[in-house]
PDB file of N, CA and C in Angstrom:
ATOM      1  N   MET A   1     175.478  48.909 117.800  1.00  0.00           N
ATOM      2  CA  MET A   1     174.907  49.708 118.715  1.00  0.00           C
ATOM      3  C   MET A   1     175.802  50.035 119.768  1.00  0.00           C
ATOM      4  N   THR A   2     176.066  51.685 120.011  1.00  0.00           N
ATOM      5  CA  THR A   2     177.057  52.051 120.995  1.00  0.00           C
ATOM      6  C   THR A   2     176.253  52.759 122.046  1.00  0.00           C
ATOM      7  N   ALA A   3     177.321  52.928 123.073  1.00  0.00           N
ATOM      8  CA  ALA A   3     176.936  53.282 124.203  1.00  0.00           C
ATOM      9  C   ALA A   3     175.653  54.590 124.186  1.00  0.00           C
ATOM     10  N   SER A   4     176.475  55.495 123.176  1.00  0.00           N
ATOM     11  CA  SER A   4     175.300  56.755 123.480  1.00  0.00           C
ATOM     12  C   SER A   4     174.125  56.663 122.701  1.00  0.00           C
ATOM     13  N   GLU A   5     173.561  55.610 122.123  1.00  0.00           N
ATOM     14  CA  GLU A   5     172.415  55.498 121.191  1.00  0.00           C
ATOM     15  C   GLU A   5     171.497  54.897 122.544  1.00  0.00           C
ATOM     16  N   PRO A   6     170.318  55.375 122.387  1.00  0.00           N
ATOM     17  CA  PRO A   6     169.060  55.190 123.463  1.00  0.00           C
ATOM     18  C   PRO A   6     168.653  53.836 122.835  1.00  0.00           C
ATOM     19  N   THR A   7     168.536  53.325 124.331  1.00  0.00           N
ATOM     20  CA  THR A   7     167.832  51.918 123.912  1.00  0.00           C
ATOM     21  C   THR A   7     166.352  52.078 123.879  1.00  0.00           C
ATOM     22  N   SER A   8     165.538  51.043 123.301  1.00  0.00           N
ATOM     23  CA  SER A   8     164.359  51.142 122.816  1.00  0.00           C
ATOM     24  C   SER A   8     163.515  50.419 124.036  1.00  0.00           C
ATOM     25  N   VAL A   9     162.529  50.976 124.470  1.00  0.00           N
ATOM     26  CA  VAL A   9     161.643  50.362 125.647  1.00  0.00           C
ATOM     27  C   VAL A   9     160.346  49.597 125.015  1.00  0.00           C
ATOM     28  N   SER A  10     160.128  48.674 125.044  1.00  0.00           N
ATOM     29  CA  SER A  10     158.753  48.100 124.845  1.00  0.00           C
ATOM     30  C   SER A  10     157.825  48.598 125.695  1.00  0.00           C
ATOM     31  N   ARG A  11     156.873  48.703 125.223  1.00  0.00           N
ATOM     32  CA  ARG A  11     155.626  49.252 126.047  1.00  0.00           C
ATOM     33  C   ARG A  11     154.449  48.309 125.625  1.00  0.00           C
ATOM     34  N   PRO A  12     153.524  48.150 126.238  1.00  0.00           N
ATOM     35  CA  PRO A  12     152.351  47.372 126.055  1.00  0.00           C
ATOM     36  C   PRO A  12     151.317  47.878 125.012  1.00  0.00           C
ATOM     37  N   ARG A  13     150.966  47.067 124.184  1.00  0.00           N
ATOM     38  CA  ARG A  13     150.142  47.909 122.976  1.00  0.00           C
ATOM     39  C   ARG A  13     148.906  47.830 123.838  1.00  0.00           C
ATOM     40  N   THR A  14     148.111  49.180 123.222  1.00  0.00           N
ATOM     41  CA  THR A  14     146.861  49.502 123.473  1.00  0.00           C
ATOM     42  C   THR A  14     146.083  49.615 122.306  1.00  0.00           C
ATOM     43  N   THR A  15     144.737  49.393 122.564  1.00  0.00           N
ATOM     44  CA  THR A  15     143.655  49.852 121.365  1.00  0.00           C
ATOM     45  C   THR A  15     143.799  50.995 120.815  1.00  0.00           C
ATOM     46  N   PRO A  16     143.920  51.501 119.924  1.00  0.00           N
ATOM     47  CA  PRO A  16     143.776  52.686 119.321  1.00  0.00           C
ATOM     48  C   PRO A  16     142.568  53.610 119.803  1.00  0.00           C
ATOM     49  N   LYS A  17     142.374  54.625 119.924  1.00  0.00           N
ATOM     50  CA  LYS A  17     141.171  55.581 120.251  1.00  0.00           C
ATOM     51  C   LYS A  17     140.612  55.783 118.691  1.00  0.00           C
ATOM     52  N   THR A  18     139.307  55.457 119.021  1.00  0.00           N
ATOM     53  CA  THR A  18     138.359  55.694 117.709  1.00  0.00           C
ATOM     54  C   THR A  18     137.999  57.336 117.641  1.00  0.00           C
ATOM     55  N   PRO A  19     137.565  57.839 116.778  1.00  0.00           N
ATOM     56  CA  PRO A  19     136.867  58.986 117.163  1.00  0.00           C
ATOM     57  C   PRO A  19     135.730  59.269 117.854  1.00  0.00           C
ATOM     58  N   ARG A  20     134.988  57.910 117.711  1.00  0.00           N
ATOM     59  CA  ARG A  20     133.752  57.600 118.936  1.00  0.00           C
ATOM     60  C   ARG A  20     134.057  58.068 120.245  1.00  0.00           C
ATOM     61  N   ASP A  21     134.836  57.687 120.639  1.00  0.00           N
ATOM     62  CA  ASP A  21     135.214  57.322 122.011  1.00  0.00           C
ATOM     63  C   ASP A  21     134.874  58.634 122.617  1.00  0.00           C
ATOM     64  N   ASP A  22     134.958  59.912 122.187  1.00  0.00           N
ATOM     65  CA  ASP A  22     135.164  61.201 122.970  1.00  0.00           C
ATOM     66  C   ASP A  22     133.934  61.754 122.511  1.00  0.00           C
ATOM     67  N   ALA A  23     133.200  61.171 121.433  1.00  0.00           N
ATOM     68  CA  ALA A  23     131.997  61.980 121.140  1.00  0.00           C
ATOM     69  C   ALA A  23     130.626  62.361 122.181  1.00  0.00           C
ATOM     70  N   PRO A  24     130.555  61.185 122.956  1.00  0.00           N
ATOM     71  CA  PRO A  24     129.667  61.239 124.044  1.00  0.00           C
ATOM     72  C   PRO A  24     129.901  62.456 124.814  1.00  0.00           C
ATOM     73  N   ARG A  25     131.330  62.656 125.378  1.00  0.00           N
ATOM     74  CA  ARG A  25     131.769  63.732 126.295  1.00  0.00           C
ATOM     75  C   ARG A  25     131.504  64.764 125.441  1.00  0.00           C
ATOM     76  N   ARG A  26     131.916  64.768 124.335  1.00  0.00           N
ATOM     77  CA  ARG A  26     132.073  66.121 123.353  1.00  0.00           C
ATOM     78  C   ARG A  26     130.570  66.520 123.393  1.00  0.00           C
ATOM     79  N   ASP A  27     129.705  66.031 123.319  1.00  0.00           N
ATOM     80  CA  ASP A  27     128.078  66.448 122.911  1.00  0.00           C
ATOM     81  C   ASP A  27     127.739  67.081 124.313  1.00  0.00           C
ATOM     82  N   VAL A  28     128.321  66.417 125.104  1.00  0.00           N
ATOM     83  CA  VAL A  28     127.819  67.139 126.715  1.00  0.00           C
ATOM     84  C   VAL A  28     128.348  68.548 126.834  1.00  0.00           C
ATOM     85  N   ARG A  29     129.893  68.311 126.393  1.00  0.00           N
ATOM     86  CA  ARG A  29     130.395  69.706 126.973  1.00  0.00           C
ATOM     87  C   ARG A  29     130.026  70.635 125.640  1.00  0.00           C
ATOM     88  N   ARG A  30     129.663  70.451 124.372  1.00  0.00           N
ATOM     89  CA  ARG A  30     128.768  71.460 123.832  1.00  0.00           C
ATOM     90  C   ARG A  30     127.564  71.901 124.336  1.00  0.00           C
ATOM     91  N   ALA A  31     126.862  70.810 124.582  1.00  0.00           N
ATOM     92  CA  ALA A  31     125.329  71.414 125.226  1.00  0.00           C
ATOM     93  C   ALA A  31     125.620  72.334 126.560  1.00  0.00           C
ATOM     94  N   TRP A  32     126.722  71.742 127.628  1.00  0.00           N
ATOM     95  CA  TRP A  32     126.787  72.541 128.486  1.00  0.00           C
ATOM     96  C   TRP A  32     127.226  74.017 128.148  1.00  0.00           C
ATOM     97  N   ALA A  33     128.378  74.062 127.318  1.00  0.00           N
ATOM     98  CA  ALA A  33     128.574  75.765 126.788  1.00  0.00           C
ATOM     99  C   ALA A  33     127.446  76.270 126.256  1.00  0.00           C
ATOM    100  N   ALA A  34     126.971  75.614 125.083  1.00  0.00           N
ATOM    101  CA  ALA A  34     125.550  76.397 124.986  1.00  0.00           C
ATOM    102  C   ALA A  34     124.695  76.942 126.023  1.00  0.00           C
ATOM    103  N   TYR A  35     124.293  75.775 127.003  1.00  0.00           N
ATOM    104  CA  TYR A  35     123.597  76.495 127.575  1.00  0.00           C
ATOM    105  C   TYR A  35     123.821  77.738 128.957  1.00  0.00           C
ATOM    106  N   ALA A  36     125.299  77.667 128.863  1.00  0.00           N
ATOM    107  CA  ALA A  36     126.177  78.902 129.768  1.00  0.00           C
ATOM    108  C   ALA A  36     126.075  79.993 128.721  1.00  0.00           C
ATOM    109  N   VAL A  37     126.212  80.041 127.789  1.00  0.00           N
ATOM    110  CA  VAL A  37     126.092  81.006 127.280  1.00  0.00           C
ATOM    111  C   VAL A  37     124.879  81.734 126.655  1.00  0.00           C
ATOM    112  N   SER A  38     123.926  80.762 126.911  1.00  0.00           N
ATOM    113  CA  SER A  38     122.566  81.446 126.272  1.00  0.00           C
ATOM    114  C   SER A  38     122.293  81.715 127.917  1.00  0.00           C
ATOM    115  N   GLN A  39     122.308  81.442 129.023  1.00  0.00           N
ATOM    116  CA  GLN A  39     122.337  82.036 130.437  1.00  0.00           C
ATOM    117  C   GLN A  39     122.973  83.428 130.609  1.00  0.00           C
ATOM    118  N   ALA A  40     123.702  83.279 129.869  1.00  0.00           N
ATOM    119  CA  ALA A  40     125.018  84.546 130.411  1.00  0.00           C
ATOM    120  C   ALA A  40     124.163  85.636 129.197  1.00  0.00           C
ATOM    121  N   GLY A  41     123.468  85.302 128.138  1.00  0.00           N
ATOM    122  CA  GLY A  41     123.062  86.143 127.411  1.00  0.00           C
ATOM    123  C   GLY A  41     121.608  86.473 127.971  1.00  0.00           C
ATOM    124  N   SER A  42     120.843  85.838 128.519  1.00  0.00           N
ATOM    125  CA  SER A  42     119.642  86.100 129.002  1.00  0.00           C
ATOM    126  C   SER A  42     119.813  87.250 130.263  1.00  0.00           C
ATOM    127  N   GLY A  43     120.999  86.723 131.223  1.00  0.00           N
ATOM    128  CA  GLY A  43     121.176  87.383 132.109  1.00  0.00           C
ATOM    129  C   GLY A  43     121.630  88.803 131.838  1.00  0.00           C
ATOM    130  N   ILE A  44     122.373  89.295 131.088  1.00  0.00           N
ATOM    131  CA  ILE A  44     122.703  90.430 130.203  1.00  0.00           C
ATOM    132  C   ILE A  44     121.677  91.138 129.968  1.00  0.00           C
ATOM    133  N   GLY A  45     121.040  90.483 128.990  1.00  0.00           N
ATOM    134  CA  GLY A  45     119.611  90.908 128.244  1.00  0.00           C
ATOM    135  C   GLY A  45     118.711  91.232 129.629  1.00  0.00           C
ATOM    136  N   ALA A  46     118.405  90.906 130.385  1.00  0.00           N
ATOM    137  CA  ALA A  46     117.706  90.900 131.450  1.00  0.00           C
ATOM    138  C   ALA A  46     118.047  92.527 132.596  1.00  0.00           C
ATOM    139  N   GLY A  47     119.317  92.533 132.348  1.00  0.00           N
ATOM    140  CA  GLY A  47     119.712  93.633 132.942  1.00  0.00           C
ATOM    141  C   GLY A  47     119.912  94.632 132.278  1.00  0.00           C
ATOM    142  N   ALA A  48     120.498  94.685 131.035  1.00  0.00           N
ATOM    143  CA  ALA A  48     120.613  95.857 130.068  1.00  0.00           C
ATOM    144  C   ALA A  48     119.313  96.527 129.348  1.00  0.00           C
ATOM    145  N   LEU A  49     118.316  95.580 129.268  1.00  0.00           N
ATOM    146  CA  LEU A  49     117.086  96.332 128.407  1.00  0.00           C
ATOM    147  C   LEU A  49     116.473  97.135 129.217  1.00  0.00           C
ATOM    148  N   PRO A  50     115.992  96.889 130.673  1.00  0.00           N
ATOM    149  CA  PRO A  50     115.308  97.908 131.548  1.00  0.00           C
ATOM    150  C   PRO A  50     116.528  99.354 131.895  1.00  0.00           C
ATOM    151  N   LEU A  51     117.590  99.031 131.593  1.00  0.00           N
ATOM    152  CA  LEU A  51     118.561 100.082 132.155  1.00  0.00           C
ATOM    153  C   LEU A  51     118.736 100.881 130.728  1.00  0.00           C
ATOM    154  N   VAL A  52     118.713 100.132 129.328  1.00  0.00           N
ATOM    155  CA  VAL A  52     118.543 101.353 128.221  1.00  0.00           C
ATOM    156  C   VAL A  52     117.128 102.139 128.324  1.00  0.00           C
ATOM    157  N   ALA A  53     115.894 101.327 128.606  1.00  0.00           N
ATOM    158  CA  ALA A  53     114.764 101.934 128.540  1.00  0.00           C
ATOM    159  C   ALA A  53     114.933 103.230 129.608  1.00  0.00           C
ATOM    160  N   ILE A  54     115.307 103.119 130.748  1.00  0.00           N
ATOM    161  CA  ILE A  54     115.362 104.391 131.865  1.00  0.00           C
ATOM    162  C   ILE A  54     116.647 105.609 131.303  1.00  0.00           C
ATOM    163  N   LEU A  55     117.885 104.994 130.728  1.00  0.00           N
ATOM    164  CA  LEU A  55     118.651 105.756 130.506  1.00  0.00           C
ATOM    165  C   LEU A  55     118.455 106.836 129.264  1.00  0.00           C
ATOM    166  N   LEU A  56     118.041 106.074 128.057  1.00  0.00           N
ATOM    167  CA  LEU A  56     117.944 106.341 126.597  1.00  0.00           C
ATOM    168  C   LEU A  56     116.626 107.060 126.347  1.00  0.00           C
ATOM    169  N   LEU A  57     115.935 106.166 126.797  1.00  0.00           N
ATOM    170  CA  LEU A  57     114.298 106.354 126.284  1.00  0.00           C
ATOM    171  C   LEU A  57     113.827 107.464 127.274  1.00  0.00           C
ATOM    172  N   ASP A  58     114.215 107.521 128.417  1.00  0.00           N
ATOM    173  CA  ASP A  58     113.726 108.538 129.819  1.00  0.00           C
ATOM    174  C   ASP A  58     112.352 107.719 130.228  1.00  0.00           C
ATOM    175  N   ALA A  59     112.558 106.663 130.419  1.00  0.00           N
ATOM    176  CA  ALA A  59     111.266 106.049 130.733  1.00  0.00           C
ATOM    177  C   ALA A  59     111.584 105.688 132.149  1.00  0.00           C
ATOM    178  N   SER A  60     109.902 106.132 132.856  1.00  0.00           N
ATOM    179  CA  SER A  60     110.140 105.787 134.304  1.00  0.00           C
ATOM    180  C   SER A  60     110.085 104.440 134.714  1.00  0.00           C
ATOM    181  N   ASP A  61     110.010 104.252 136.008  1.00  0.00           N
ATOM    182  CA  ASP A  61     110.223 103.171 136.506  1.00  0.00           C
ATOM    183  C   ASP A  61     108.937 102.194 136.354  1.00  0.00           C
ATOM    184  N   TRP A  62     107.629 102.721 136.419  1.00  0.00           N
ATOM    185  CA  TRP A  62     106.739 102.148 136.057  1.00  0.00           C
ATOM    186  C   TRP A  62     106.732 101.699 134.561  1.00  0.00           C
ATOM    187  N   GLN A  63     106.996 102.066 133.826  1.00  0.00           N
ATOM    188  CA  GLN A  63     107.177 101.837 132.427  1.00  0.00           C
ATOM    189  C   GLN A  63     107.886 100.804 132.026  1.00  0.00           C
ATOM    190  N   VAL A  64     108.910 100.799 132.715  1.00  0.00           N
ATOM    191  CA  VAL A  64     109.907  99.514 132.902  1.00  0.00           C
ATOM    192  C   VAL A  64     109.597  98.393 133.149  1.00  0.00           C
TER     193      VAL A  64
END
């Protein structure tokens, strides 16, 4: 071994992560993202549909 070669550092062994370790967290993140997208779509729909009715269909305020 020469002086220019890096020396290896021994690190403590850890148990490898299994695919199941992140599964519960991933499921919660997926459910939260789906809920957020659903709520955003509901909010846009609640605001856009009356606006479309008023502007395009010439509906009165009472008809909306």
